[in-house]
């Protein structure tokens, strides 16, 4: 089955990825300042383009959320440094489709590039993130998990 495609869930929502989706949220925790998070500005050519979120995309059949998140991040922002997964959250749409947010810690704020589907990248504190035009589902997750 081809999983990189649009589907309509039981609630009538349109989603990219027949098997669900996953993305990777990197956090750098300096010892003296606030935590910083790596976000990407979604390309204008994408659904909800021009909004900030995390690199991610469609899961493939049999692929884990972590494997999907890593593959998509490498496609969208380039090579990744070593990281430690700290949690995996499932964001349900209510109609049988899920997007997984894989949170991971890194030892330094590594350079991320505008590769595929990315117009910009940046490291932001929580306060700075609140001022950005966020992807609506990422904002909803942040309000629930990172108030």
C-alpha atoms as a PDB file:
ATOM      1  CA  UNK A   1       0.000   0.000   0.000  1.00  0.00           C
ATOM      2  CA  UNK A   2       1.287   3.480  -0.887  1.00  0.00           C
ATOM      3  CA  UNK A   3       1.251   5.397   2.412  1.00  0.00           C
ATOM      4  CA  UNK A   4       2.616   8.776   1.244  1.00  0.00           C
ATOM      5  CA  UNK A   5      -0.776  10.090   0.172  1.00  0.00           C
ATOM      6  CA  UNK A   6      -3.685  12.187   1.366  1.00  0.00           C
ATOM      7  CA  UNK A   7      -6.456  10.388   3.243  1.00  0.00           C
ATOM      8  CA  UNK A   8      -9.764  11.369   4.792  1.00  0.00           C
ATOM      9  CA  UNK A   9     -10.260  10.044   8.324  1.00  0.00           C
ATOM     10  CA  UNK A  10     -13.538   8.951   9.928  1.00  0.00           C
ATOM     11  CA  UNK A  11     -14.191  12.560  11.072  1.00  0.00           C
ATOM     12  CA  UNK A  12     -13.779  13.899   7.530  1.00  0.00           C
ATOM     13  CA  UNK A  13     -10.374  15.512   8.223  1.00  0.00           C
ATOM     14  CA  UNK A  14      -7.811  15.449   5.436  1.00  0.00           C
ATOM     15  CA  UNK A  15      -4.363  14.133   6.475  1.00  0.00           C
ATOM     16  CA  UNK A  16      -1.047  13.433   4.754  1.00  0.00           C
ATOM     17  CA  UNK A  17       0.012   9.835   5.373  1.00  0.00           C
ATOM     18  CA  UNK A  18      -2.278   6.820   5.219  1.00  0.00           C
ATOM     19  CA  UNK A  19      -0.431   5.163   8.133  1.00  0.00           C
ATOM     20  CA  UNK A  20      -0.224   8.352  10.236  1.00  0.00           C
ATOM     21  CA  UNK A  21       2.629  10.793  10.626  1.00  0.00           C
ATOM     22  CA  UNK A  22       5.519  11.705  12.898  1.00  0.00           C
ATOM     23  CA  UNK A  23       7.875  14.599  13.513  1.00  0.00           C
ATOM     24  CA  UNK A  24      10.958  15.353  15.585  1.00  0.00           C
ATOM     25  CA  UNK A  25      11.220  18.171  18.146  1.00  0.00           C
ATOM     26  CA  UNK A  26      14.806  18.849  19.218  1.00  0.00           C
ATOM     27  CA  UNK A  27      15.612  20.542  22.544  1.00  0.00           C
ATOM     28  CA  UNK A  28      18.916  22.018  23.645  1.00  0.00           C
ATOM     29  CA  UNK A  29      19.155  22.684  27.392  1.00  0.00           C
ATOM     30  CA  UNK A  30      21.948  25.137  28.193  1.00  0.00           C
ATOM     31  CA  UNK A  31      22.963  25.256  31.838  1.00  0.00           C
ATOM     32  CA  UNK A  32      22.436  29.009  32.274  1.00  0.00           C
ATOM     33  CA  UNK A  33      19.682  30.026  29.860  1.00  0.00           C
ATOM     34  CA  UNK A  34      16.243  28.798  28.825  1.00  0.00           C
ATOM     35  CA  UNK A  35      15.779  25.644  26.784  1.00  0.00           C
ATOM     36  CA  UNK A  36      15.826  26.164  23.023  1.00  0.00           C
ATOM     37  CA  UNK A  37      13.802  24.208  20.465  1.00  0.00           C
ATOM     38  CA  UNK A  38      14.528  23.694  16.785  1.00  0.00           C
ATOM     39  CA  UNK A  39      11.659  24.619  14.478  1.00  0.00           C
ATOM     40  CA  UNK A  40      11.290  24.769  10.728  1.00  0.00           C
ATOM     41  CA  UNK A  41       9.297  27.189   8.623  1.00  0.00           C
ATOM     42  CA  UNK A  42       7.160  25.082   6.310  1.00  0.00           C
ATOM     43  CA  UNK A  43       7.623  25.794   2.617  1.00  0.00           C
ATOM     44  CA  UNK A  44       4.894  27.843   0.956  1.00  0.00           C
ATOM     45  CA  UNK A  45       4.302  24.921  -1.420  1.00  0.00           C
ATOM     46  CA  UNK A  46       3.042  22.718   1.455  1.00  0.00           C
ATOM     47  CA  UNK A  47      -0.228  22.409   3.303  1.00  0.00           C
ATOM     48  CA  UNK A  48      -0.199  25.188   5.931  1.00  0.00           C
ATOM     49  CA  UNK A  49       2.926  26.645   4.343  1.00  0.00           C
ATOM     50  CA  UNK A  50       4.431  29.683   6.005  1.00  0.00           C
ATOM     51  CA  UNK A  51       3.864  28.305   9.503  1.00  0.00           C
ATOM     52  CA  UNK A  52       6.459  27.114  11.991  1.00  0.00           C
ATOM     53  CA  UNK A  53       6.516  23.552  13.235  1.00  0.00           C
ATOM     54  CA  UNK A  54       8.730  20.514  13.386  1.00  0.00           C
ATOM     55  CA  UNK A  55      10.169  18.466  10.543  1.00  0.00           C
ATOM     56  CA  UNK A  56       7.930  15.497   9.941  1.00  0.00           C
ATOM     57  CA  UNK A  57       5.730  13.643   7.536  1.00  0.00           C
ATOM     58  CA  UNK A  58       3.998  10.447   6.556  1.00  0.00           C
ATOM     59  CA  UNK A  59       4.725   7.138   8.251  1.00  0.00           C
ATOM     60  CA  UNK A  60       5.370   4.167   6.021  1.00  0.00           C
ATOM     61  CA  UNK A  61       3.830   0.762   6.654  1.00  0.00           C
ATOM     62  CA  UNK A  62       5.704  -0.956   9.489  1.00  0.00           C
ATOM     63  CA  UNK A  63       7.770   2.136  10.308  1.00  0.00           C
ATOM     64  CA  UNK A  64       7.967   3.293  13.931  1.00  0.00           C
ATOM     65  CA  UNK A  65       7.222   6.902  14.917  1.00  0.00           C
ATOM     66  CA  UNK A  66      10.894   7.416  15.811  1.00  0.00           C
ATOM     67  CA  UNK A  67      12.139   6.010  12.484  1.00  0.00           C
ATOM     68  CA  UNK A  68       9.634   8.174  10.579  1.00  0.00           C
ATOM     69  CA  UNK A  69      10.573  11.293  12.529  1.00  0.00           C
ATOM     70  CA  UNK A  70      14.294  10.732  11.925  1.00  0.00           C
ATOM     71  CA  UNK A  71      13.854  10.012   8.201  1.00  0.00           C
ATOM     72  CA  UNK A  72      11.655  13.047   7.679  1.00  0.00           C
ATOM     73  CA  UNK A  73      13.947  15.350   9.697  1.00  0.00           C
ATOM     74  CA  UNK A  74      16.968  14.277   7.654  1.00  0.00           C
ATOM     75  CA  UNK A  75      15.006  14.894   4.431  1.00  0.00           C
ATOM     76  CA  UNK A  76      13.826  18.336   5.542  1.00  0.00           C
ATOM     77  CA  UNK A  77      16.711  19.843   7.573  1.00  0.00           C
ATOM     78  CA  UNK A  78      19.788  17.748   6.716  1.00  0.00           C
ATOM     79  CA  UNK A  79      22.174  15.612   8.779  1.00  0.00           C
ATOM     80  CA  UNK A  80      21.317  15.093  12.445  1.00  0.00           C
ATOM     81  CA  UNK A  81      23.693  14.886  15.395  1.00  0.00           C
ATOM     82  CA  UNK A  82      23.387  12.203  18.070  1.00  0.00           C
ATOM     83  CA  UNK A  83      20.242  12.707  20.148  1.00  0.00           C
ATOM     84  CA  UNK A  84      18.373  11.122  23.035  1.00  0.00           C
ATOM     85  CA  UNK A  85      14.634  10.491  22.692  1.00  0.00           C
ATOM     86  CA  UNK A  86      12.904  11.780  25.836  1.00  0.00           C
ATOM     87  CA  UNK A  87       9.261  11.118  24.988  1.00  0.00           C
ATOM     88  CA  UNK A  88       6.854  10.248  22.215  1.00  0.00           C
ATOM     89  CA  UNK A  89       3.407  11.828  22.226  1.00  0.00           C
ATOM     90  CA  UNK A  90       0.510  10.700  20.090  1.00  0.00           C
ATOM     91  CA  UNK A  91      -1.744  13.457  18.859  1.00  0.00           C
ATOM     92  CA  UNK A  92      -5.065  11.913  17.823  1.00  0.00           C
ATOM     93  CA  UNK A  93      -7.412  13.652  15.411  1.00  0.00           C
ATOM     94  CA  UNK A  94     -10.453  11.831  16.773  1.00  0.00           C
ATOM     95  CA  UNK A  95     -11.092  10.082  13.466  1.00  0.00           C
ATOM     96  CA  UNK A  96      -8.582   7.261  13.557  1.00  0.00           C
ATOM     97  CA  UNK A  97      -5.474   9.150  12.406  1.00  0.00           C
ATOM     98  CA  UNK A  98      -2.449   9.982  14.601  1.00  0.00           C
ATOM     99  CA  UNK A  99       0.592  12.217  14.411  1.00  0.00           C
ATOM    100  CA  UNK A 100       3.465  11.350  16.748  1.00  0.00           C
ATOM    101  CA  UNK A 101       5.745  14.018  18.179  1.00  0.00           C
ATOM    102  CA  UNK A 102       9.118  12.536  19.074  1.00  0.00           C
ATOM    103  CA  UNK A 103      10.937  14.818  21.533  1.00  0.00           C
ATOM    104  CA  UNK A 104      14.708  14.531  21.706  1.00  0.00           C
ATOM    105  CA  UNK A 105      17.565  16.250  23.526  1.00  0.00           C
ATOM    106  CA  UNK A 106      20.805  17.302  21.829  1.00  0.00           C
ATOM    107  CA  UNK A 107      24.091  18.472  23.340  1.00  0.00           C
ATOM    108  CA  UNK A 108      24.361  21.625  21.223  1.00  0.00           C
ATOM    109  CA  UNK A 109      22.157  23.720  18.923  1.00  0.00           C
ATOM    110  CA  UNK A 110      23.278  22.120  15.661  1.00  0.00           C
ATOM    111  CA  UNK A 111      22.947  23.876  12.302  1.00  0.00           C
ATOM    112  CA  UNK A 112      19.812  22.864  10.432  1.00  0.00           C
ATOM    113  CA  UNK A 113      19.491  23.580   6.744  1.00  0.00           C
ATOM    114  CA  UNK A 114      16.681  24.465   4.378  1.00  0.00           C
ATOM    115  CA  UNK A 115      16.613  21.233   2.435  1.00  0.00           C
ATOM    116  CA  UNK A 116      13.287  19.829   1.300  1.00  0.00           C
ATOM    117  CA  UNK A 117       9.982  21.479   2.247  1.00  0.00           C
ATOM    118  CA  UNK A 118      11.757  23.980   4.544  1.00  0.00           C
ATOM    119  CA  UNK A 119      12.022  27.756   4.002  1.00  0.00           C
ATOM    120  CA  UNK A 120      13.875  28.539   7.261  1.00  0.00           C
ATOM    121  CA  UNK A 121      15.015  26.980  10.524  1.00  0.00           C
ATOM    122  CA  UNK A 122      15.764  28.416  13.937  1.00  0.00           C
ATOM    123  CA  UNK A 123      16.352  27.691  17.613  1.00  0.00           C
ATOM    124  CA  UNK A 124      13.740  29.357  19.830  1.00  0.00           C
ATOM    125  CA  UNK A 125      12.839  29.590  23.514  1.00  0.00           C
ATOM    126  CA  UNK A 126       9.261  28.842  24.606  1.00  0.00           C
ATOM    127  CA  UNK A 127       8.588  32.572  24.902  1.00  0.00           C
ATOM    128  CA  UNK A 128       9.859  33.189  21.364  1.00  0.00           C
ATOM    129  CA  UNK A 129       7.829  30.250  20.034  1.00  0.00           C
ATOM    130  CA  UNK A 130       4.615  31.767  21.369  1.00  0.00           C
ATOM    131  CA  UNK A 131       5.190  34.783  19.098  1.00  0.00           C
ATOM    132  CA  UNK A 132       5.576  32.730  15.930  1.00  0.00           C
ATOM    133  CA  UNK A 133       2.904  31.814  13.415  1.00  0.00           C
ATOM    134  CA  UNK A 134       2.728  28.129  14.353  1.00  0.00           C
ATOM    135  CA  UNK A 135       1.211  25.199  12.498  1.00  0.00           C
ATOM    136  CA  UNK A 136      -2.188  24.877  14.200  1.00  0.00           C
ATOM    137  CA  UNK A 137      -1.755  21.264  15.319  1.00  0.00           C
ATOM    138  CA  UNK A 138       1.728  21.936  16.686  1.00  0.00           C
ATOM    139  CA  UNK A 139       0.345  24.929  18.621  1.00  0.00           C
ATOM    140  CA  UNK A 140      -2.424  22.721  20.037  1.00  0.00           C
ATOM    141  CA  UNK A 141       0.150  20.144  21.183  1.00  0.00           C
ATOM    142  CA  UNK A 142       2.368  22.840  22.722  1.00  0.00           C
ATOM    143  CA  UNK A 143      -0.536  24.319  24.693  1.00  0.00           C
ATOM    144  CA  UNK A 144      -1.336  20.879  26.085  1.00  0.00           C
ATOM    145  CA  UNK A 145       2.169  19.541  26.730  1.00  0.00           C
ATOM    146  CA  UNK A 146       4.322  22.662  27.192  1.00  0.00           C
ATOM    147  CA  UNK A 147       2.067  25.300  28.791  1.00  0.00           C
END
